[in-house]
Amino acid sequence: MPRSVNHVASRAKRKRILKLTRGYYGARKNVWTVAKNTWEKGLLYAFRDRRNKKRNFRALWIQRINAAARLEGLSYSRLMGALHAKGIEINRKVLADLAMNHPEAFKAIVEKVK
């Protein structure tokens, strides 16, 4: 009896991954092994960078808060320490947004902790 191989499923699997690699450069889009490796590596980069994105945004918020706080005569660390001491629970994302888009509200918060 001849060996039975499920060509339909294996071809469908290859076709699915080759469809995902459309638009890649050179052999990365149409050579099966190269395309598969590139696609898998892309998944690793996506996993890593979803975490790096959070890290980068936090750094950006801290820089914005620091710049606004220095205009009010405080450093970032003194401002955050004073906020925690006063029990004002406001996260860095919102604080950075206030510093950028609503400077008068940010100033009011700074005055409250001084």
C-alpha atoms as a PDB file:
ATOM      1  CA  MET A   1       0.000   0.000   0.000  1.00  0.00           C
ATOM      2  CA  PRO A   2       1.435   3.408  -0.925  1.00  0.00           C
ATOM      3  CA  ARG A   3       2.306   5.944   1.731  1.00  0.00           C
ATOM      4  CA  SER A   4      -0.490   8.410   2.475  1.00  0.00           C
ATOM      5  CA  VAL A   5       0.557  12.063   2.771  1.00  0.00           C
ATOM      6  CA  ASN A   6      -1.920  14.834   3.412  1.00  0.00           C
ATOM      7  CA  HIS A   7      -0.820  17.220   0.663  1.00  0.00           C
ATOM      8  CA  VAL A   8      -3.928  19.360   1.004  1.00  0.00           C
ATOM      9  CA  ALA A   9      -3.197  20.305   4.614  1.00  0.00           C
ATOM     10  CA  SER A  10       0.547  20.826   4.138  1.00  0.00           C
ATOM     11  CA  ARG A  11       0.015  22.978   1.050  1.00  0.00           C
ATOM     12  CA  ALA A  12      -2.638  25.002   2.884  1.00  0.00           C
ATOM     13  CA  LYS A  13      -0.216  25.602   5.755  1.00  0.00           C
ATOM     14  CA  ARG A  14       2.504  26.811   3.388  1.00  0.00           C
ATOM     15  CA  LYS A  15       0.046  28.966   1.496  1.00  0.00           C
ATOM     16  CA  ARG A  16      -1.184  30.579   4.719  1.00  0.00           C
ATOM     17  CA  ILE A  17       2.329  31.570   5.809  1.00  0.00           C
ATOM     18  CA  LEU A  18       3.320  32.742   2.312  1.00  0.00           C
ATOM     19  CA  LYS A  19       0.226  34.940   2.309  1.00  0.00           C
ATOM     20  CA  LEU A  20       1.380  36.494   5.603  1.00  0.00           C
ATOM     21  CA  THR A  21       4.811  37.284   4.111  1.00  0.00           C
ATOM     22  CA  ARG A  22       3.473  39.170   1.098  1.00  0.00           C
ATOM     23  CA  GLY A  23       5.306  42.477   0.728  1.00  0.00           C
ATOM     24  CA  TYR A  24       8.586  41.231   2.214  1.00  0.00           C
ATOM     25  CA  TYR A  25      11.781  41.835   0.235  1.00  0.00           C
ATOM     26  CA  GLY A  26      13.311  39.278  -2.140  1.00  0.00           C
ATOM     27  CA  ALA A  27      13.170  35.592  -1.283  1.00  0.00           C
ATOM     28  CA  ARG A  28      11.547  36.385   2.057  1.00  0.00           C
ATOM     29  CA  LYS A  29       8.169  36.578   0.305  1.00  0.00           C
ATOM     30  CA  ASN A  30       8.157  33.492  -1.931  1.00  0.00           C
ATOM     31  CA  VAL A  31      10.762  30.903  -0.837  1.00  0.00           C
ATOM     32  CA  TRP A  32       9.078  28.677   1.722  1.00  0.00           C
ATOM     33  CA  THR A  33      11.925  28.142   4.217  1.00  0.00           C
ATOM     34  CA  VAL A  34      13.134  31.759   4.085  1.00  0.00           C
ATOM     35  CA  ALA A  35       9.563  33.096   4.375  1.00  0.00           C
ATOM     36  CA  LYS A  36       8.772  30.803   7.314  1.00  0.00           C
ATOM     37  CA  ASN A  37      11.937  31.833   9.179  1.00  0.00           C
ATOM     38  CA  THR A  38      11.281  35.518   8.521  1.00  0.00           C
ATOM     39  CA  TRP A  39       7.678  35.241   9.674  1.00  0.00           C
ATOM     40  CA  GLU A  40       8.672  33.422  12.884  1.00  0.00           C
ATOM     41  CA  LYS A  41      11.374  36.012  13.609  1.00  0.00           C
ATOM     42  CA  GLY A  42       8.795  38.741  13.044  1.00  0.00           C
ATOM     43  CA  LEU A  43       6.583  37.189  15.713  1.00  0.00           C
ATOM     44  CA  LEU A  44       9.518  37.304  18.158  1.00  0.00           C
ATOM     45  CA  TYR A  45      10.155  40.963  17.365  1.00  0.00           C
ATOM     46  CA  ALA A  46       6.462  41.753  17.829  1.00  0.00           C
ATOM     47  CA  PHE A  47       6.419  40.012  21.225  1.00  0.00           C
ATOM     48  CA  ARG A  48       9.559  41.856  22.360  1.00  0.00           C
ATOM     49  CA  ASP A  49       8.466  45.239  21.093  1.00  0.00           C
ATOM     50  CA  ARG A  50       5.014  45.111  22.661  1.00  0.00           C
ATOM     51  CA  ARG A  51       6.894  45.234  25.954  1.00  0.00           C
ATOM     52  CA  ASN A  52       9.450  47.811  24.793  1.00  0.00           C
ATOM     53  CA  LYS A  53       6.606  50.085  23.716  1.00  0.00           C
ATOM     54  CA  LYS A  54       5.381  50.325  27.320  1.00  0.00           C
ATOM     55  CA  ARG A  55       8.932  51.079  28.472  1.00  0.00           C
ATOM     56  CA  ASN A  56       9.397  53.805  25.845  1.00  0.00           C
ATOM     57  CA  PHE A  57       6.102  55.503  26.664  1.00  0.00           C
ATOM     58  CA  ARG A  58       6.906  55.566  30.372  1.00  0.00           C
ATOM     59  CA  ALA A  59      10.263  57.216  29.592  1.00  0.00           C
ATOM     60  CA  LEU A  60       8.514  59.792  27.385  1.00  0.00           C
ATOM     61  CA  TRP A  61       5.976  60.613  30.112  1.00  0.00           C
ATOM     62  CA  ILE A  62       8.757  61.060  32.675  1.00  0.00           C
ATOM     63  CA  GLN A  63      10.631  63.452  30.351  1.00  0.00           C
ATOM     64  CA  ARG A  64       7.496  65.534  29.767  1.00  0.00           C
ATOM     65  CA  ILE A  65       6.647  65.691  33.481  1.00  0.00           C
ATOM     66  CA  ASN A  66      10.240  66.624  34.318  1.00  0.00           C
ATOM     67  CA  ALA A  67      10.290  69.455  31.754  1.00  0.00           C
ATOM     68  CA  ALA A  68       6.993  70.873  33.041  1.00  0.00           C
ATOM     69  CA  ALA A  69       8.004  70.462  36.689  1.00  0.00           C
ATOM     70  CA  ARG A  70      11.258  72.340  36.129  1.00  0.00           C
ATOM     71  CA  LEU A  71       9.272  75.286  34.741  1.00  0.00           C
ATOM     72  CA  GLU A  72       7.506  75.320  38.127  1.00  0.00           C
ATOM     73  CA  GLY A  73      10.798  75.150  40.050  1.00  0.00           C
ATOM     74  CA  LEU A  74      10.750  71.440  40.980  1.00  0.00           C
ATOM     75  CA  SER A  75      12.603  68.413  39.700  1.00  0.00           C
ATOM     76  CA  TYR A  76      10.746  65.290  38.586  1.00  0.00           C
ATOM     77  CA  SER A  77      11.825  63.257  41.599  1.00  0.00           C
ATOM     78  CA  ARG A  78      10.838  65.964  44.100  1.00  0.00           C
ATOM     79  CA  LEU A  79       7.463  66.389  42.396  1.00  0.00           C
ATOM     80  CA  MET A  80       6.711  62.657  42.424  1.00  0.00           C
ATOM     81  CA  GLY A  81       7.886  62.352  46.029  1.00  0.00           C
ATOM     82  CA  ALA A  82       5.630  65.239  47.063  1.00  0.00           C
ATOM     83  CA  LEU A  83       2.662  63.742  45.184  1.00  0.00           C
ATOM     84  CA  HIS A  84       3.073  60.418  47.004  1.00  0.00           C
ATOM     85  CA  ALA A  85       3.572  62.168  50.358  1.00  0.00           C
ATOM     86  CA  LYS A  86       0.341  64.148  49.898  1.00  0.00           C
ATOM     87  CA  GLY A  87      -1.484  60.983  48.800  1.00  0.00           C
ATOM     88  CA  ILE A  88      -2.375  62.286  45.344  1.00  0.00           C
ATOM     89  CA  GLU A  89      -2.910  59.198  43.196  1.00  0.00           C
ATOM     90  CA  ILE A  90      -2.327  60.302  39.597  1.00  0.00           C
ATOM     91  CA  ASN A  91      -0.423  58.202  37.099  1.00  0.00           C
ATOM     92  CA  ARG A  92       2.385  59.403  34.856  1.00  0.00           C
ATOM     93  CA  LYS A  93       0.342  59.103  31.660  1.00  0.00           C
ATOM     94  CA  VAL A  94      -2.320  61.522  32.901  1.00  0.00           C
ATOM     95  CA  LEU A  95       0.254  63.815  34.520  1.00  0.00           C
ATOM     96  CA  ALA A  96       2.228  64.045  31.260  1.00  0.00           C
ATOM     97  CA  ASP A  97      -0.979  64.777  29.335  1.00  0.00           C
ATOM     98  CA  LEU A  98      -1.826  67.577  31.770  1.00  0.00           C
ATOM     99  CA  ALA A  99       1.709  68.961  31.473  1.00  0.00           C
ATOM    100  CA  MET A 100       1.480  69.046  27.668  1.00  0.00           C
ATOM    101  CA  ASN A 101      -2.140  70.006  26.972  1.00  0.00           C
ATOM    102  CA  HIS A 102      -3.406  71.677  30.166  1.00  0.00           C
ATOM    103  CA  PRO A 103      -0.511  73.570  31.782  1.00  0.00           C
ATOM    104  CA  GLU A 104      -2.827  75.475  34.146  1.00  0.00           C
ATOM    105  CA  ALA A 105      -4.171  72.198  35.589  1.00  0.00           C
ATOM    106  CA  PHE A 106      -0.608  70.897  35.969  1.00  0.00           C
ATOM    107  CA  LYS A 107       0.350  74.136  37.700  1.00  0.00           C
ATOM    108  CA  ALA A 108      -2.576  73.708  40.123  1.00  0.00           C
ATOM    109  CA  ILE A 109      -1.365  70.202  41.009  1.00  0.00           C
ATOM    110  CA  VAL A 110       2.173  71.500  41.590  1.00  0.00           C
ATOM    111  CA  GLU A 111       0.858  74.300  43.818  1.00  0.00           C
ATOM    112  CA  LYS A 112      -1.121  71.767  45.818  1.00  0.00           C
ATOM    113  CA  VAL A 113       1.993  69.710  46.628  1.00  0.00           C
ATOM    114  CA  LYS A 114       4.345  72.644  47.323  1.00  0.00           C
END
